[in-house]
Amino acid sequence: MNREIMVNPGKTLRVTVNGKVYKRIPVKTHVVMPGENLIEVVKKYTGGLLQAGDVLFITEKIVAVSQHRAYPVKEIKPRKLATFLSRFVTKTKHGIGLGIPETMEMALRECGVWRILLAAGVAAITKAFGRKGDFYRIAGYKASSIDGPTPNTIPPYNEYVVLGPDKPNKVAREVSEALGVPVLIVDLNDLGGKILGVSGKNLDRDLYYTILKDNPLGQSREQTPLGIIRLVK
């Protein structure tokens, strides 16, 4: 089954890295709901698109949702510590991060109170010297991957907190074995991100991050949680 290749608004289909040209093909899906079978979803929407040599990349959010790691905001009861710490988080137009009590509460649960307190303490000190990013470097990907509710997010997730995926390397391997192509689990936004999981040790995380760092899948209502990397020349 052949399908027309689409490009998300404000994004480009091709990128040149180290003298090589790559396509980053977004794949549109339905709105995946908690507990859906990730492999079946991926098979359904990549059928007829994947070619030999392709690399499939999957957003962390669709993986986490399939793992029942998405929680309605109204069901999260933040402790006082979460409310206090959330006041010190810098909010940007790209997302609220841990800047509300509910997302900070989930970070405390995911990472542990002492790790979050350590990250907050170190960040408070280094921020005074103009250094940024130490909080998430210390807290780890489980904190940085938490997505809070934003108006531009596709319903019902505009009223959800979605955690980072559990065991992203394992998920990548399982999807790769089912589809027969290398697989990446990615956490990207318009400020950057990282490769959370890879299906094989031979996959160069730095290379693929460079290919994807402009976030070709978008982070609003594009509804493209899957993508294909294809070497053109």
Protein backbone atom coordinates (compact mmCIF):
# COMPACT_ATOMS: atom_id res chain seq x y z
CA MET A 1 0.00 0.00 0.00
CA ASN A 2 1.59 3.26 -1.16
CA ARG A 3 0.89 6.46 0.74
CA GLU A 4 1.70 10.08 0.07
CA ILE A 5 4.62 11.36 2.13
CA MET A 6 3.54 14.24 4.34
CA VAL A 7 5.53 16.98 6.07
CA ASN A 8 4.41 18.62 9.29
CA PRO A 9 3.87 22.41 9.28
CA GLY A 10 7.06 24.35 9.87
CA LYS A 11 9.20 21.24 9.38
CA THR A 12 11.28 19.91 6.49
CA LEU A 13 11.34 16.46 4.95
CA ARG A 14 15.10 16.33 4.31
CA VAL A 15 18.18 17.09 6.36
CA THR A 16 21.87 16.82 5.52
CA VAL A 17 24.18 15.38 8.18
CA ASN A 18 27.87 14.66 7.60
CA GLY A 19 27.39 15.06 3.86
CA LYS A 20 24.51 12.56 3.67
CA VAL A 21 20.88 13.41 2.96
CA TYR A 22 18.13 11.82 5.05
CA LYS A 23 14.37 11.93 4.80
CA ARG A 24 12.39 12.09 8.07
CA ILE A 25 8.93 10.82 7.13
CA PRO A 26 6.14 11.49 9.68
CA VAL A 27 3.51 8.76 10.06
CA LYS A 28 0.02 9.81 11.14
CA THR A 29 -2.01 7.54 13.44
CA HIS A 30 -5.26 7.62 15.34
CA VAL A 31 -5.15 8.99 18.89
CA VAL A 32 -3.65 6.05 20.76
CA MET A 33 -5.33 5.33 24.08
CA PRO A 34 -3.90 3.78 27.25
CA GLY A 35 -3.22 0.06 26.99
CA GLU A 36 -3.31 -0.26 23.21
CA ASN A 37 -0.85 -2.77 21.77
CA LEU A 38 2.10 -0.71 20.53
CA ILE A 39 3.37 -3.28 18.03
CA GLU A 40 -0.06 -3.66 16.44
CA VAL A 41 -0.40 0.12 16.15
CA VAL A 42 3.02 0.44 14.54
CA LYS A 43 2.36 -2.41 12.11
CA LYS A 44 -0.98 -0.91 11.08
CA TYR A 45 0.40 2.49 10.18
CA THR A 46 3.83 1.63 8.77
CA GLY A 47 2.56 -1.10 6.48
CA GLY A 48 3.53 -0.24 2.91
CA LEU A 49 5.87 2.54 4.03
CA LEU A 50 8.95 0.80 5.42
CA GLN A 51 11.77 -0.07 3.05
CA ALA A 52 15.04 -1.93 3.44
CA GLY A 53 17.56 0.30 5.21
CA ASP A 54 14.91 2.40 6.98
CA VAL A 55 15.06 3.21 10.68
CA LEU A 56 11.76 3.60 12.54
CA PHE A 57 11.51 6.15 15.35
CA ILE A 58 8.71 6.29 17.90
CA THR A 59 7.88 9.09 20.32
CA GLU A 60 8.18 8.35 24.00
CA LYS A 61 4.61 9.50 24.57
CA ILE A 62 2.93 6.79 22.50
CA VAL A 63 5.11 4.18 24.21
CA ALA A 64 4.22 5.46 27.68
CA VAL A 65 0.52 5.61 26.84
CA SER A 66 0.60 1.99 25.68
CA GLN A 67 2.20 1.11 29.03
CA HIS A 68 -0.61 2.73 31.07
CA ARG A 69 1.75 5.53 32.12
CA ALA A 70 -0.68 8.38 31.40
CA TYR A 71 -2.69 9.86 34.28
CA PRO A 72 -5.57 12.36 34.31
CA VAL A 73 -4.45 15.54 36.06
CA LYS A 74 -7.56 15.56 38.24
CA GLU A 75 -6.61 12.18 39.71
CA ILE A 76 -3.13 13.31 40.84
CA LYS A 77 -2.99 14.64 44.38
CA PRO A 78 0.27 16.61 44.81
CA ARG A 79 2.00 16.70 48.20
CA LYS A 80 3.09 20.03 49.66
CA LEU A 81 6.69 19.42 48.60
CA ALA A 82 5.59 19.07 44.96
CA THR A 83 3.68 22.35 45.13
CA PHE A 84 6.69 24.10 46.67
CA LEU A 85 9.28 22.78 44.21
CA SER A 86 7.13 23.43 41.14
CA ARG A 87 7.28 27.17 41.84
CA PHE A 88 10.97 27.25 40.97
CA VAL A 89 10.70 25.53 37.59
CA THR A 90 11.19 27.74 34.54
CA LYS A 91 8.22 27.49 32.19
CA THR A 92 8.65 27.97 28.44
CA LYS A 93 6.32 28.23 25.47
CA HIS A 94 7.35 24.68 24.53
CA GLY A 95 5.86 23.06 27.63
CA ILE A 96 5.37 23.34 31.35
CA GLY A 97 7.67 20.48 32.29
CA LEU A 98 7.63 20.08 36.05
CA GLY A 99 6.26 23.57 36.52
CA ILE A 100 2.94 22.53 38.01
CA PRO A 101 2.37 20.57 41.24
CA GLU A 102 0.93 17.56 39.41
CA THR A 103 3.94 16.99 37.14
CA MET A 104 6.35 17.60 40.01
CA GLU A 105 4.43 15.08 42.10
CA MET A 106 4.89 12.45 39.40
CA ALA A 107 8.62 13.26 39.26
CA LEU A 108 8.86 12.67 43.00
CA ARG A 109 7.14 9.31 42.58
CA GLU A 110 9.22 8.28 39.55
CA CYS A 111 12.65 9.43 40.67
CA GLY A 112 12.41 9.43 44.45
CA VAL A 113 12.24 12.34 46.85
CA TRP A 114 15.96 12.46 47.65
CA ARG A 115 17.05 12.47 44.02
CA ILE A 116 14.68 15.31 43.17
CA LEU A 117 15.82 17.27 46.22
CA LEU A 118 19.46 16.73 45.25
CA ALA A 119 18.76 17.84 41.69
CA ALA A 120 16.89 20.92 42.91
CA GLY A 121 19.63 21.85 45.37
CA VAL A 122 22.44 21.54 42.83
CA ALA A 123 20.43 23.43 40.21
CA ALA A 124 19.74 26.27 42.63
CA ILE A 125 23.47 26.68 43.23
CA THR A 126 24.68 26.36 39.63
CA LYS A 127 21.88 28.54 38.26
CA ALA A 128 23.28 31.41 40.32
CA PHE A 129 26.46 31.08 38.25
CA GLY A 130 24.58 31.10 34.95
CA ARG A 131 24.60 27.36 34.35
CA LYS A 132 21.36 25.69 33.21
CA GLY A 133 20.10 22.13 32.89
CA ASP A 134 21.65 20.58 36.00
CA PHE A 135 18.27 19.69 37.49
CA TYR A 136 17.39 17.33 34.66
CA ARG A 137 20.94 16.04 34.30
CA ILE A 138 20.81 14.84 37.90
CA ALA A 139 17.15 13.84 38.05
CA GLY A 140 17.50 11.80 34.84
CA TYR A 141 15.31 11.00 31.86
CA LYS A 142 12.39 9.88 34.02
CA ALA A 143 12.01 13.49 35.13
CA SER A 144 12.78 15.20 31.82
CA SER A 145 10.40 12.92 29.91
CA ILE A 146 7.32 13.84 31.94
CA ASP A 147 4.81 15.70 29.78
CA GLY A 148 2.24 17.93 31.40
CA PRO A 149 -1.11 19.12 30.08
CA THR A 150 -0.99 21.95 27.54
CA PRO A 151 -3.77 23.56 25.47
CA ASN A 152 -2.20 22.52 22.16
CA THR A 153 -1.98 18.84 23.07
CA ILE A 154 -4.43 16.45 21.38
CA PRO A 155 -7.38 15.58 23.66
CA PRO A 156 -7.68 13.79 26.00
CA TYR A 157 -3.96 14.30 26.73
CA ASN A 158 -4.42 18.05 27.15
CA GLU A 159 -5.71 17.02 30.58
CA TYR A 160 -3.18 14.27 31.31
CA VAL A 161 0.30 13.89 32.75
CA VAL A 162 2.27 11.37 30.70
CA LEU A 163 5.40 9.80 32.16
CA GLY A 164 8.46 8.67 30.29
CA PRO A 165 8.44 5.15 28.85
CA ASP A 166 9.47 2.18 30.94
CA LYS A 167 12.47 0.19 29.64
CA PRO A 168 12.77 2.05 26.29
CA ASN A 169 15.64 -0.14 25.02
CA LYS A 170 13.57 -3.27 25.59
CA VAL A 171 10.57 -1.74 23.83
CA ALA A 172 12.76 -0.75 20.87
CA ARG A 173 14.09 -4.31 20.59
CA GLU A 174 10.62 -5.84 20.73
CA VAL A 175 9.26 -3.55 18.01
CA SER A 176 12.37 -4.13 15.89
CA GLU A 177 11.98 -7.90 16.12
CA ALA A 178 8.33 -7.63 15.08
CA LEU A 179 8.94 -5.32 12.10
CA GLY A 180 12.45 -6.29 10.98
CA VAL A 181 13.91 -2.76 11.02
CA PRO A 182 16.07 -0.85 13.53
CA VAL A 183 13.98 1.14 16.02
CA LEU A 184 14.56 4.25 18.13
CA ILE A 185 12.47 5.53 21.04
CA VAL A 186 12.84 9.32 21.07
CA ASP A 187 12.00 12.21 23.36
CA LEU A 188 12.05 15.32 21.19
CA ASN A 189 10.63 18.81 21.36
CA ASP A 190 11.34 22.09 19.63
CA LEU A 191 14.17 22.77 22.10
CA GLY A 192 15.97 19.47 21.49
CA GLY A 193 15.67 16.17 23.34
CA LYS A 194 17.38 12.80 23.31
CA ILE A 195 17.28 9.24 22.05
CA LEU A 196 15.87 7.22 24.96
CA GLY A 197 16.02 3.73 23.51
CA VAL A 198 17.65 1.83 20.65
CA SER A 199 17.04 -1.66 19.35
CA GLY A 200 20.74 -2.41 18.89
CA LYS A 201 24.07 -1.22 20.24
CA ASN A 202 25.25 -0.50 16.70
CA LEU A 203 22.78 2.37 16.37
CA ASP A 204 24.61 5.69 16.79
CA ARG A 205 22.53 7.76 19.22
CA ASP A 206 24.46 10.95 18.48
CA LEU A 207 23.98 10.58 14.72
CA TYR A 208 20.26 9.95 14.98
CA TYR A 209 19.77 12.76 17.45
CA THR A 210 21.46 15.12 14.99
CA ILE A 211 19.16 13.88 12.22
CA LEU A 212 16.07 14.44 14.38
CA LYS A 213 16.97 17.36 16.65
CA ASP A 214 14.68 19.81 14.82
CA ASN A 215 11.74 17.61 15.90
CA PRO A 216 10.20 16.69 12.50
CA LEU A 217 7.19 15.05 14.19
CA GLY A 218 6.17 18.31 15.88
CA GLN A 219 4.78 18.69 19.38
CA SER A 220 1.29 20.09 18.97
CA ARG A 221 -1.67 18.45 17.23
CA GLU A 222 0.14 16.86 14.28
CA GLN A 223 -0.84 13.37 15.48
CA THR A 224 2.34 11.83 14.06
CA PRO A 225 3.92 9.79 16.87
CA LEU A 226 5.84 7.59 14.40
CA GLY A 227 8.47 8.46 11.85
CA ILE A 228 10.83 6.84 9.37
CA ILE A 229 14.45 7.83 8.72
CA ARG A 230 15.55 7.02 5.17
CA LEU A 231 18.99 7.62 3.69
CA VAL A 232 18.57 9.31 0.32
CA LYS A 233 22.16 9.82 -0.80
